[in-house]
PDB file of N, CA and C in Angstrom:
ATOM      1  N   MET A   1     -21.708   8.327  55.549  1.00  0.00           N
ATOM      2  CA  MET A   1     -22.402   9.686  56.235  1.00  0.00           C
ATOM      3  C   MET A   1     -23.082  10.244  54.874  1.00  0.00           C
ATOM      4  N   HIS A   2     -24.267  10.871  54.848  1.00  0.00           N
ATOM      5  CA  HIS A   2     -25.234  11.090  53.936  1.00  0.00           C
ATOM      6  C   HIS A   2     -25.150  12.577  54.088  1.00  0.00           C
ATOM      7  N   LEU A   3     -24.694  13.530  53.089  1.00  0.00           N
ATOM      8  CA  LEU A   3     -24.664  15.040  52.937  1.00  0.00           C
ATOM      9  C   LEU A   3     -25.604  15.558  52.176  1.00  0.00           C
ATOM     10  N   GLY A   4     -26.694  14.693  51.524  1.00  0.00           N
ATOM     11  CA  GLY A   4     -27.620  15.368  50.616  1.00  0.00           C
ATOM     12  C   GLY A   4     -27.355  15.701  49.447  1.00  0.00           C
ATOM     13  N   ILE A   5     -26.302  15.313  48.909  1.00  0.00           N
ATOM     14  CA  ILE A   5     -25.734  15.527  47.510  1.00  0.00           C
ATOM     15  C   ILE A   5     -26.903  15.315  46.540  1.00  0.00           C
ATOM     16  N   LYS A   6     -27.216  16.121  45.787  1.00  0.00           N
ATOM     17  CA  LYS A   6     -28.169  15.797  44.577  1.00  0.00           C
ATOM     18  C   LYS A   6     -27.953  16.095  43.351  1.00  0.00           C
ATOM     19  N   GLU A   7     -28.408  15.187  42.475  1.00  0.00           N
ATOM     20  CA  GLU A   7     -28.037  15.151  40.990  1.00  0.00           C
ATOM     21  C   GLU A   7     -27.522  16.646  40.290  1.00  0.00           C
ATOM     22  N   ASP A   8     -28.637  17.445  40.681  1.00  0.00           N
ATOM     23  CA  ASP A   8     -28.042  18.903  40.001  1.00  0.00           C
ATOM     24  C   ASP A   8     -27.375  19.532  40.951  1.00  0.00           C
ATOM     25  N   ASP A   9     -26.624  19.467  42.184  1.00  0.00           N
ATOM     26  CA  ASP A   9     -26.017  20.064  42.822  1.00  0.00           C
ATOM     27  C   ASP A   9     -25.351  19.380  43.925  1.00  0.00           C
ATOM     28  N   LEU A  10     -23.729  19.649  43.509  1.00  0.00           N
ATOM     29  CA  LEU A  10     -23.114  18.816  44.072  1.00  0.00           C
ATOM     30  C   LEU A  10     -22.664  19.032  45.535  1.00  0.00           C
ATOM     31  N   PHE A  11     -23.099  20.234  45.951  1.00  0.00           N
ATOM     32  CA  PHE A  11     -22.774  20.885  47.495  1.00  0.00           C
ATOM     33  C   PHE A  11     -23.803  20.472  48.637  1.00  0.00           C
ATOM     34  N   PRO A  12     -24.053  20.235  49.757  1.00  0.00           N
ATOM     35  CA  PRO A  12     -25.001  19.935  50.866  1.00  0.00           C
ATOM     36  C   PRO A  12     -25.478  21.391  51.135  1.00  0.00           C
ATOM     37  N   GLU A  13     -26.557  21.513  51.593  1.00  0.00           N
ATOM     38  CA  GLU A  13     -26.945  22.898  52.059  1.00  0.00           C
ATOM     39  C   GLU A  13     -26.574  23.323  53.093  1.00  0.00           C
ATOM     40  N   PRO A  14     -26.064  24.749  53.093  1.00  0.00           N
ATOM     41  CA  PRO A  14     -25.122  25.515  54.063  1.00  0.00           C
ATOM     42  C   PRO A  14     -25.633  24.863  55.240  1.00  0.00           C
ATOM     43  N   GLY A  15     -26.690  24.743  56.141  1.00  0.00           N
ATOM     44  CA  GLY A  15     -27.086  24.237  57.415  1.00  0.00           C
ATOM     45  C   GLY A  15     -26.491  22.839  57.589  1.00  0.00           C
ATOM     46  N   GLU A  16     -26.551  22.268  56.382  1.00  0.00           N
ATOM     47  CA  GLU A  16     -26.147  20.716  56.640  1.00  0.00           C
ATOM     48  C   GLU A  16     -24.347  20.923  57.193  1.00  0.00           C
ATOM     49  N   LEU A  17     -24.033  22.043  56.036  1.00  0.00           N
ATOM     50  CA  LEU A  17     -22.423  21.805  56.323  1.00  0.00           C
ATOM     51  C   LEU A  17     -22.112  22.614  57.618  1.00  0.00           C
ATOM     52  N   ARG A  18     -23.048  23.530  58.113  1.00  0.00           N
ATOM     53  CA  ARG A  18     -22.410  24.225  59.492  1.00  0.00           C
ATOM     54  C   ARG A  18     -22.742  22.815  60.721  1.00  0.00           C
ATOM     55  N   GLY A  19     -24.069  21.677  60.575  1.00  0.00           N
ATOM     56  CA  GLY A  19     -24.184  20.408  61.344  1.00  0.00           C
ATOM     57  C   GLY A  19     -22.720  19.710  61.058  1.00  0.00           C
ATOM     58  N   LEU A  20     -22.361  19.572  60.000  1.00  0.00           N
ATOM     59  CA  LEU A  20     -21.037  18.578  60.049  1.00  0.00           C
ATOM     60  C   LEU A  20     -19.993  19.182  60.127  1.00  0.00           C
ATOM     61  N   MET A  21     -19.727  20.670  60.020  1.00  0.00           N
ATOM     62  CA  MET A  21     -18.392  21.074  60.912  1.00  0.00           C
ATOM     63  C   MET A  21     -18.576  21.123  62.111  1.00  0.00           C
ATOM     64  N   ALA A  22     -19.875  21.734  62.749  1.00  0.00           N
ATOM     65  CA  ALA A  22     -19.850  21.215  64.257  1.00  0.00           C
ATOM     66  C   ALA A  22     -19.412  19.820  64.760  1.00  0.00           C
ATOM     67  N   GLN A  23     -19.792  18.469  63.909  1.00  0.00           N
ATOM     68  CA  GLN A  23     -19.606  17.273  64.426  1.00  0.00           C
ATOM     69  C   GLN A  23     -18.284  17.130  64.050  1.00  0.00           C
ATOM     70  N   LEU A  24     -18.081  17.456  63.472  1.00  0.00           N
ATOM     71  CA  LEU A  24     -16.081  17.499  63.103  1.00  0.00           C
ATOM     72  C   LEU A  24     -15.038  17.929  64.101  1.00  0.00           C
ATOM     73  N   GLU A  25     -15.897  19.320  64.489  1.00  0.00           N
ATOM     74  CA  GLU A  25     -14.989  20.196  65.678  1.00  0.00           C
ATOM     75  C   GLU A  25     -15.038  19.246  66.859  1.00  0.00           C
ATOM     76  N   ALA A  26     -16.013  18.891  67.199  1.00  0.00           N
ATOM     77  CA  ALA A  26     -16.567  18.006  68.183  1.00  0.00           C
ATOM     78  C   ALA A  26     -15.606  16.971  68.069  1.00  0.00           C
ATOM     79  N   LEU A  27     -15.624  16.014  67.155  1.00  0.00           N
ATOM     80  CA  LEU A  27     -14.755  14.613  66.942  1.00  0.00           C
ATOM     81  C   LEU A  27     -13.456  15.103  67.153  1.00  0.00           C
ATOM     82  N   LEU A  28     -12.801  16.388  66.494  1.00  0.00           N
ATOM     83  CA  LEU A  28     -11.505  16.749  67.014  1.00  0.00           C
ATOM     84  C   LEU A  28     -11.269  16.886  68.498  1.00  0.00           C
ATOM     85  N   GLU A  29     -11.908  17.450  69.020  1.00  0.00           N
ATOM     86  CA  GLU A  29     -11.743  17.887  70.425  1.00  0.00           C
ATOM     87  C   GLU A  29     -11.860  16.795  71.183  1.00  0.00           C
ATOM     88  N   LEU A  30     -12.757  15.782  70.818  1.00  0.00           N
ATOM     89  CA  LEU A  30     -12.749  14.448  71.626  1.00  0.00           C
ATOM     90  C   LEU A  30     -11.353  13.731  71.469  1.00  0.00           C
ATOM     91  N   ILE A  31     -10.781  13.718  70.103  1.00  0.00           N
ATOM     92  CA  ILE A  31      -9.547  13.061  70.015  1.00  0.00           C
ATOM     93  C   ILE A  31      -8.205  13.657  70.233  1.00  0.00           C
ATOM     94  N   ASP A  32      -8.224  14.771  70.855  1.00  0.00           N
ATOM     95  CA  ASP A  32      -7.409  15.916  71.055  1.00  0.00           C
ATOM     96  C   ASP A  32      -7.422  15.512  72.818  1.00  0.00           C
ATOM     97  N   GLY A  33      -8.656  15.243  73.270  1.00  0.00           N
ATOM     98  CA  GLY A  33      -8.552  15.436  74.843  1.00  0.00           C
ATOM     99  C   GLY A  33      -8.305  13.782  74.932  1.00  0.00           C
ATOM    100  N   ASN A  34      -8.424  12.766  74.388  1.00  0.00           N
ATOM    101  CA  ASN A  34      -8.005  11.432  74.378  1.00  0.00           C
ATOM    102  C   ASN A  34      -6.626  11.346  74.096  1.00  0.00           C
ATOM    103  N   THR A  35      -5.989  12.112  73.309  1.00  0.00           N
ATOM    104  CA  THR A  35      -4.829  11.994  73.070  1.00  0.00           C
ATOM    105  C   THR A  35      -3.548  12.516  74.244  1.00  0.00           C
ATOM    106  N   LYS A  36      -4.142  13.494  74.723  1.00  0.00           N
ATOM    107  CA  LYS A  36      -3.622  14.118  75.804  1.00  0.00           C
ATOM    108  C   LYS A  36      -3.670  13.158  77.057  1.00  0.00           C
ATOM    109  N   ILE A  37      -4.939  12.883  77.619  1.00  0.00           N
ATOM    110  CA  ILE A  37      -4.738  11.765  78.692  1.00  0.00           C
ATOM    111  C   ILE A  37      -3.918  10.729  78.581  1.00  0.00           C
ATOM    112  N   GLN A  38      -4.196   9.833  77.096  1.00  0.00           N
ATOM    113  CA  GLN A  38      -2.838   8.635  76.806  1.00  0.00           C
ATOM    114  C   GLN A  38      -1.730   9.104  77.208  1.00  0.00           C
ATOM    115  N   SER A  39      -1.406  10.350  76.828  1.00  0.00           N
ATOM    116  CA  SER A  39       0.105  10.736  76.569  1.00  0.00           C
ATOM    117  C   SER A  39       0.625  11.020  78.082  1.00  0.00           C
ATOM    118  N   ASN A  40      -0.373  11.247  79.159  1.00  0.00           N
ATOM    119  CA  ASN A  40      -0.158  11.775  80.463  1.00  0.00           C
ATOM    120  C   ASN A  40      -0.110  10.515  81.069  1.00  0.00           C
ATOM    121  N   SER A  41      -0.889   9.241  80.848  1.00  0.00           N
ATOM    122  CA  SER A  41      -0.806   8.035  81.246  1.00  0.00           C
ATOM    123  C   SER A  41       0.451   7.419  81.254  1.00  0.00           C
ATOM    124  N   GLU A  42       0.987   7.314  79.623  1.00  0.00           N
ATOM    125  CA  GLU A  42       2.163   7.138  79.593  1.00  0.00           C
ATOM    126  C   GLU A  42       3.522   7.177  79.944  1.00  0.00           C
ATOM    127  N   ALA A  43       3.453   8.946  80.462  1.00  0.00           N
ATOM    128  CA  ALA A  43       4.515   9.161  80.513  1.00  0.00           C
ATOM    129  C   ALA A  43       4.841   8.825  82.162  1.00  0.00           C
ATOM    130  N   ALA A  44       3.424   8.867  83.011  1.00  0.00           N
ATOM    131  CA  ALA A  44       3.397   8.313  84.537  1.00  0.00           C
ATOM    132  C   ALA A  44       4.228   6.922  84.859  1.00  0.00           C
TER     133      ALA A  44
END
């Protein structure tokens, strides 16, 4: 994943950070949802 890191600046732009955080939060929700579904299936 490319974060737009520049030679003179180690951190991505604030807009890029917001986008990355949104993607990570969506991924976390997806993982949490899948884990709950699998747990319910195993219990049945």
